[in-house]
Protein backbone atom coordinates (compact mmCIF):
# COMPACT_ATOMS: atom_id res chain seq x y z
CA UNK A 1 118.73 96.64 65.01
CA UNK A 2 115.09 95.80 64.27
CA UNK A 3 115.86 92.70 66.21
CA UNK A 4 116.33 95.15 69.27
CA UNK A 5 113.52 96.92 68.89
CA UNK A 6 110.98 94.15 68.02
CA UNK A 7 112.53 92.27 71.24
CA UNK A 8 111.73 95.66 73.59
CA UNK A 9 108.15 96.69 71.96
CA UNK A 10 107.02 93.59 70.75
CA UNK A 11 107.89 90.75 73.50
CA UNK A 12 105.32 92.67 75.74
CA UNK A 13 102.64 91.84 73.07
CA UNK A 14 103.70 88.03 72.98
CA UNK A 15 103.02 87.63 76.85
CA UNK A 16 99.57 89.37 77.23
CA UNK A 17 98.07 86.44 77.11
CA UNK A 18 100.03 85.43 80.93
CA UNK A 19 98.24 89.41 81.89
CA UNK A 20 101.46 90.76 82.24
CA UNK A 21 101.95 94.12 82.23
CA UNK A 22 105.70 94.73 81.04
CA UNK A 23 107.78 97.71 81.29
CA UNK A 24 110.82 98.59 78.38
CA UNK A 25 113.81 96.94 79.04
CA UNK A 26 111.89 93.86 81.38
CA UNK A 27 109.29 91.46 81.26
CA UNK A 28 107.67 89.08 83.68
CA UNK A 29 107.14 85.48 81.90
CA UNK A 30 105.50 83.89 84.23
CA UNK A 31 104.60 84.10 88.50
CA UNK A 32 103.93 81.32 90.36
CA UNK A 33 101.82 82.43 93.64
CA UNK A 34 101.50 80.65 97.03
CA UNK A 35 100.55 82.31 100.05
CA UNK A 36 103.79 82.61 101.94
CA UNK A 37 105.73 82.98 98.25
CA UNK A 38 105.92 84.34 95.34
CA UNK A 39 108.00 82.47 91.86
CA UNK A 40 109.01 85.20 89.12
CA UNK A 41 110.32 84.09 85.87
CA UNK A 42 111.96 87.03 84.32
CA UNK A 43 113.78 88.65 80.52
CA UNK A 44 116.42 91.49 80.73
CA UNK A 45 116.89 92.83 78.14
CA UNK A 46 120.51 94.65 77.02
CA UNK A 47 118.67 98.43 77.69
CA UNK A 48 118.06 98.08 80.91
CA UNK A 49 121.34 95.39 81.86
CA UNK A 50 122.87 96.94 85.67
CA UNK A 51 124.13 93.97 88.48
CA UNK A 52 121.33 92.96 90.89
CA UNK A 53 117.33 93.98 90.38
CA UNK A 54 114.98 94.41 93.56
CA UNK A 55 111.60 91.84 93.14
CA UNK A 56 108.26 92.61 95.11
CA UNK A 57 105.20 91.09 96.81
CA UNK A 58 102.21 93.25 96.87
CA UNK A 59 98.66 92.23 97.98
CA UNK A 60 96.40 93.42 94.98
CA UNK A 61 95.30 96.52 96.56
CA UNK A 62 99.74 97.59 96.49
CA UNK A 63 100.74 96.82 99.79
CA UNK A 64 104.45 95.91 99.21
CA UNK A 65 104.49 92.41 102.07
CA UNK A 66 107.87 91.08 100.49
CA UNK A 67 111.08 91.92 99.06
CA UNK A 68 114.37 90.61 97.29
CA UNK A 69 116.89 90.63 95.41
CA UNK A 70 117.46 89.73 92.21
CA UNK A 71 120.19 89.60 88.98
CA UNK A 72 119.68 92.40 87.11
CA UNK A 73 121.64 91.05 83.80
CA UNK A 74 120.64 91.02 80.75
CA UNK A 75 118.79 86.92 80.19
CA UNK A 76 115.93 84.91 81.97
CA UNK A 77 116.24 85.29 85.67
CA UNK A 78 113.97 82.95 88.13
CA UNK A 79 113.19 84.35 92.18
CA UNK A 80 111.21 83.55 94.73
CA UNK A 81 109.89 86.06 97.10
CA UNK A 82 108.68 85.46 100.46
CA UNK A 83 106.96 86.84 103.38
CA UNK A 84 104.69 86.65 106.21
CA UNK A 85 101.72 84.27 105.16
CA UNK A 86 98.65 85.49 103.51
CA UNK A 87 94.97 84.61 103.85
CA UNK A 88 93.76 82.27 101.39
CA UNK A 89 92.25 83.43 98.68
CA UNK A 90 94.09 86.75 99.01
CA UNK A 91 95.34 88.21 96.00
CA UNK A 92 99.09 88.69 95.23
CA UNK A 93 100.90 89.68 92.22
CA UNK A 94 104.87 90.11 91.47
CA UNK A 95 106.40 93.54 90.67
CA UNK A 96 109.98 93.93 89.03
CA UNK A 97 112.14 96.60 89.62
CA UNK A 98 115.67 97.04 87.28
CA UNK A 99 118.39 99.94 87.11
CA UNK A 100 118.92 101.46 83.45
CA UNK A 101 121.81 102.23 82.18
CA UNK A 102 120.46 106.30 82.14
CA UNK A 103 120.46 106.18 86.15
CA UNK A 104 116.63 105.44 85.91
CA UNK A 105 114.42 102.58 86.56
CA UNK A 106 112.11 100.12 84.19
CA UNK A 107 109.06 97.86 86.28
CA UNK A 108 107.23 95.13 85.14
CA UNK A 109 104.55 93.52 87.22
CA UNK A 110 102.21 90.67 87.12
CA UNK A 111 98.16 90.53 87.46
CA UNK A 112 96.74 90.10 90.80
CA UNK A 113 95.93 86.08 91.52
CA UNK A 114 94.57 84.52 94.68
CA UNK A 115 96.64 82.38 96.56
CA UNK A 116 95.81 78.42 97.17
CA UNK A 117 94.55 75.62 95.67
CA UNK A 118 94.56 76.57 92.02
CA UNK A 119 93.00 79.93 92.39
CA UNK A 120 90.97 80.35 95.19
CA UNK A 121 88.12 77.78 93.47
CA UNK A 122 85.41 75.84 96.15
CA UNK A 123 87.53 72.84 96.34
CA UNK A 124 85.93 70.55 98.98
CA UNK A 125 89.56 68.92 99.25
CA UNK A 126 90.61 72.58 100.47
CA UNK A 127 89.78 71.89 104.81
CA UNK A 128 91.28 68.38 104.04
CA UNK A 129 94.89 68.88 105.79
CA UNK A 130 97.19 67.59 103.83
CA UNK A 131 98.40 63.67 105.10
CA UNK A 132 102.06 64.09 106.52
CA UNK A 133 102.80 60.26 105.43
CA UNK A 134 102.63 60.48 102.40
CA UNK A 135 106.16 63.10 102.47
CA UNK A 136 108.18 61.16 105.46
CA UNK A 137 111.72 62.74 106.87
CA UNK A 138 110.36 66.40 104.95
CA UNK A 139 111.73 69.06 106.87
CA UNK A 140 109.20 71.58 108.65
CA UNK A 141 109.19 74.86 106.72
CA UNK A 142 111.31 77.36 107.86
CA UNK A 143 109.77 79.85 110.46
CA UNK A 144 111.91 82.54 110.62
CA UNK A 145 114.74 84.09 113.45
CA UNK A 146 112.24 84.92 115.45
CA UNK A 147 114.33 87.80 116.93
CA UNK A 148 113.96 90.94 115.50
CA UNK A 149 116.12 90.68 112.56
CA UNK A 150 114.79 92.60 109.28
CA UNK A 151 112.85 89.92 106.26
CA UNK A 152 114.90 86.99 107.64
CA UNK A 153 116.56 84.07 105.74
CA UNK A 154 117.80 80.96 106.53
CA UNK A 155 120.75 82.16 103.75
CA UNK A 156 120.96 85.65 103.96
CA UNK A 157 124.18 87.72 103.51
CA UNK A 158 123.69 90.40 105.88
CA UNK A 159 121.60 90.37 109.21
CA UNK A 160 120.05 93.51 110.16
CA UNK A 161 118.47 94.85 113.09
CA UNK A 162 117.01 98.77 113.20
CA UNK A 163 117.22 99.91 117.00
CA UNK A 164 118.47 102.65 118.93
CA UNK A 165 117.89 105.65 115.81
CA UNK A 166 120.77 102.94 113.88
CA UNK A 167 121.30 100.29 111.48
CA UNK A 168 123.05 97.33 112.58
CA UNK A 169 124.57 95.31 110.26
CA UNK A 170 125.80 91.98 111.19
CA UNK A 171 127.05 88.63 109.87
CA UNK A 172 127.24 85.54 111.86
CA UNK A 173 130.14 83.30 109.34
CA UNK A 174 132.73 82.85 110.17
CA UNK A 175 131.85 84.84 113.58
CA UNK A 176 129.17 86.47 115.12
CA UNK A 177 130.53 90.38 114.31
CA UNK A 178 128.57 93.72 114.21
CA UNK A 179 129.88 95.43 110.55
CA UNK A 180 128.14 98.96 110.54
CA UNK A 181 126.04 101.02 112.74
CA UNK A 182 124.36 103.23 110.19
CA UNK A 183 122.31 106.38 111.16
CA UNK A 184 118.83 105.81 110.54
CA UNK A 185 117.85 109.43 109.77
CA UNK A 186 120.50 109.46 106.93
CA UNK A 187 118.96 106.73 105.53
CA UNK A 188 115.10 108.79 105.66
CA UNK A 189 116.62 111.57 104.52
CA UNK A 190 118.63 109.82 101.48
CA UNK A 191 116.60 110.39 97.76
CA UNK A 192 115.29 107.40 95.87
CA UNK A 193 118.06 106.43 93.71
CA UNK A 194 120.46 107.25 95.55
CA UNK A 195 123.44 105.05 97.32
CA UNK A 196 125.41 105.83 100.45
CA UNK A 197 128.79 104.79 100.67
CA UNK A 198 129.91 103.39 104.20
CA UNK A 199 132.87 102.40 104.36
CA UNK A 200 134.61 98.68 103.62
CA UNK A 201 133.20 98.52 99.99
CA UNK A 202 129.86 98.50 101.30
CA UNK A 203 127.20 100.62 99.72
CA UNK A 204 123.71 101.31 100.54
CA UNK A 205 121.22 102.08 98.06
CA UNK A 206 117.49 103.46 98.24
CA UNK A 207 116.31 101.58 95.12
CA UNK A 208 112.04 102.71 95.78
CA UNK A 209 110.24 104.40 98.48
CA UNK A 210 110.53 101.65 100.99
CA UNK A 211 112.89 99.23 99.49
CA UNK A 212 116.78 99.64 100.76
CA UNK A 213 119.54 97.20 99.78
CA UNK A 214 122.82 97.44 101.23
CA UNK A 215 125.51 95.90 99.20
CA UNK A 216 129.20 94.28 99.99
CA UNK A 217 131.69 91.88 99.80
CA UNK A 218 132.15 91.45 103.92
CA UNK A 219 129.54 89.16 104.73
CA UNK A 220 128.64 85.80 105.25
CA UNK A 221 129.43 83.84 102.18
CA UNK A 222 132.96 86.67 102.01
CA UNK A 223 134.48 87.20 100.21
CA UNK A 224 131.74 86.89 97.66
CA UNK A 225 129.91 90.13 97.84
CA UNK A 226 126.17 89.44 98.35
CA UNK A 227 123.38 92.24 99.32
CA UNK A 228 120.53 92.52 102.17
CA UNK A 229 117.08 93.80 101.45
CA UNK A 230 114.46 95.15 103.97
CA UNK A 231 111.33 97.12 104.02
CA UNK A 232 113.00 101.01 105.06
CA UNK A 233 108.73 101.14 107.27
CA UNK A 234 109.52 98.03 109.57
CA UNK A 235 112.47 99.16 109.77
CA UNK A 236 111.53 101.84 111.27
CA UNK A 237 108.34 100.21 113.34
CA UNK A 238 111.24 97.88 114.77
CA UNK A 239 112.68 101.22 115.66
CA UNK A 240 110.11 102.64 117.68
CA UNK A 241 109.51 105.17 115.36
CA UNK A 242 111.26 107.92 113.05
CA UNK A 243 114.45 108.96 115.00
CA UNK A 244 113.03 112.45 115.84
CA UNK A 245 115.42 115.74 115.15
CA UNK A 246 118.48 117.16 116.48
CA UNK A 247 116.73 120.71 118.50
CA UNK A 248 118.56 124.30 117.03
CA UNK A 249 121.39 124.73 119.59
CA UNK A 250 120.46 127.61 121.81
CA UNK A 251 122.96 130.17 122.19
CA UNK A 252 120.14 132.24 125.08
CA UNK A 253 121.88 129.84 127.81
CA UNK A 254 125.31 131.31 127.23
CA UNK A 255 127.26 132.64 129.40
CA UNK A 256 128.78 136.83 129.49
CA UNK A 257 131.97 134.92 129.86
CA UNK A 258 131.24 132.37 126.77
CA UNK A 259 129.65 135.67 124.80
CA UNK A 260 132.47 137.42 125.06
CA UNK A 261 135.20 134.78 124.34
CA UNK A 262 132.81 134.14 120.42
CA UNK A 263 132.41 138.02 119.91
CA UNK A 264 136.48 139.02 121.17
CA UNK A 265 138.98 137.93 119.34
CA UNK A 266 141.49 139.29 122.07
CA UNK A 267 139.82 138.17 125.32
CA UNK A 268 140.34 134.49 123.72
CA UNK A 269 143.38 134.44 123.46
CA UNK A 270 143.63 135.87 126.59
CA UNK A 271 142.09 132.89 128.28
CA UNK A 272 144.13 130.87 125.81
CA UNK A 273 147.24 131.81 127.39
CA UNK A 274 146.14 131.70 130.81
CA UNK A 275 145.12 128.35 130.44
CA UNK A 276 149.00 127.47 129.15
CA UNK A 277 150.06 129.62 132.11
CA UNK A 278 148.07 126.79 134.19
CA UNK A 279 148.96 123.62 132.76
CA UNK A 280 152.33 124.07 132.46
CA UNK A 281 153.45 127.10 135.50
CA UNK A 282 156.16 124.47 136.72
CA UNK A 283 157.57 124.17 133.93
CA UNK A 284 159.29 126.21 131.50
CA UNK A 285 159.50 125.39 128.12
CA UNK A 286 156.56 123.58 127.07
CA UNK A 287 155.04 126.54 128.71
CA UNK A 288 156.69 128.62 126.09
CA UNK A 289 155.93 125.70 123.69
CA UNK A 290 151.85 126.00 124.62
CA UNK A 291 152.86 130.41 124.23
CA UNK A 292 154.26 129.85 120.66
CA UNK A 293 151.04 127.44 120.03
CA UNK A 294 148.34 130.12 121.30
CA UNK A 295 150.54 132.76 118.29
CA UNK A 296 150.82 129.93 116.19
CA UNK A 297 146.85 130.27 116.27
CA UNK A 298 147.32 134.45 115.37
CA UNK A 299 149.13 133.95 112.36
CA UNK A 300 152.78 134.76 113.97
CA UNK A 301 155.65 134.10 111.85
CA UNK A 302 158.75 132.16 113.41
CA UNK A 303 160.51 134.98 113.99
CA UNK A 304 157.91 136.73 116.10
CA UNK A 305 157.74 133.19 118.39
CA UNK A 306 161.40 133.15 118.76
CA UNK A 307 160.72 136.32 120.69
CA UNK A 308 158.91 134.80 123.27
CA UNK A 309 161.96 132.43 123.83
CA UNK A 310 164.50 135.06 124.15
CA UNK A 311 161.25 136.39 126.17
CA UNK A 312 161.70 133.27 128.76
CA UNK A 313 165.40 133.17 128.46
CA UNK A 314 166.45 136.75 129.22
CA UNK A 315 163.94 137.95 131.29
CA UNK A 316 162.75 134.75 133.41
CA UNK A 317 159.49 133.10 133.09
CA UNK A 318 157.39 135.40 134.75
CA UNK A 319 157.81 138.03 132.36
CA UNK A 320 157.46 135.96 129.57
CA UNK A 321 153.99 135.24 131.14
CA UNK A 322 153.39 138.77 130.61
CA UNK A 323 154.72 139.67 127.53
CA UNK A 324 153.05 136.80 125.86
CA UNK A 325 149.78 139.21 125.52
CA UNK A 326 151.75 141.93 124.30
CA UNK A 327 154.03 140.12 121.81
CA UNK A 328 150.45 138.83 120.88
CA UNK A 329 149.19 142.05 120.22
CA UNK A 330 152.51 142.71 118.40
CA UNK A 331 152.32 140.29 116.38
CA UNK A 332 148.19 141.21 115.27
CA UNK A 333 149.46 144.70 114.37
CA UNK A 334 152.77 143.21 112.65
CA UNK A 335 150.03 141.48 110.90
CA UNK A 336 147.69 144.39 109.85
CA UNK A 337 149.95 146.49 108.79
CA UNK A 338 150.96 144.02 106.13
CA UNK A 339 147.74 143.22 105.58
CA UNK A 340 147.66 147.24 104.66
CA UNK A 341 150.44 147.03 102.27
CA UNK A 342 149.18 143.81 100.21
CA UNK A 343 145.54 145.85 99.51
CA UNK A 344 147.63 149.37 98.50
């Protein structure tokens, strides 16, 4: 017990020389800042153990510029967060957010550090372009897909687009296919820290105000599980703005017939009977079946429905149609009488 307490409380003190602010359950051991990525090494303690963590990249003013997922299990982990290149000298830092066992989150963040060179010094060599012959055959830096997908990554598990007021989730392997269409409005309304079951063993989590992660086992690399994280703000921007809420239903334009149908059950039943007659007037068997269905919806018993068939067999089709409403009236009065007997 004492050893655990020392690990949770003493570890931040031991790392204070790195200018890292640690929260209970997770500490940042180191961060390497460049102008298009931050590589962060962090340690998770058992008190905060979950399957995943969210690793953010921020400017010194707190603006979030990148997001990646990483392990949330006990131990030390290293994750790189990539983002569009920032101007040299921009101060950046990493923040790690881990889900805790009680449903909350614990966080740690590094101290802001300028990107580029040795930390933004005035080295005369900073303005000299690198000699490309120093590394012959080196592949060029990945420039992104450029097709509008969110938080693109060459090894992404899911590919995500936001448009038409929805979030479209695709996979590329073994063949390109649309996996899910998620209403953007539902995701915006999802409380921070909550999850949404997408079906097919997929889950969407809102890990922060701007952090969305989709988990599943049917993306690129299936059946191995994976995830895709992206910024909700970027999604809304890509969509052209947040979806407009659906307008309330205006009932003022209802015709008198529609209002009567809603307010008068007798008129509603009469209309249903007329529909049966219009549809099945040339087929007695189907007509009686249709009338029986209407009676079932009104709570008629099997014996009462049988009387409709008797009308049809003994008196003929026209009489059955005429007596249909009368039979329903009898059904209603019998039901009211039975309900009154039960109350008494």
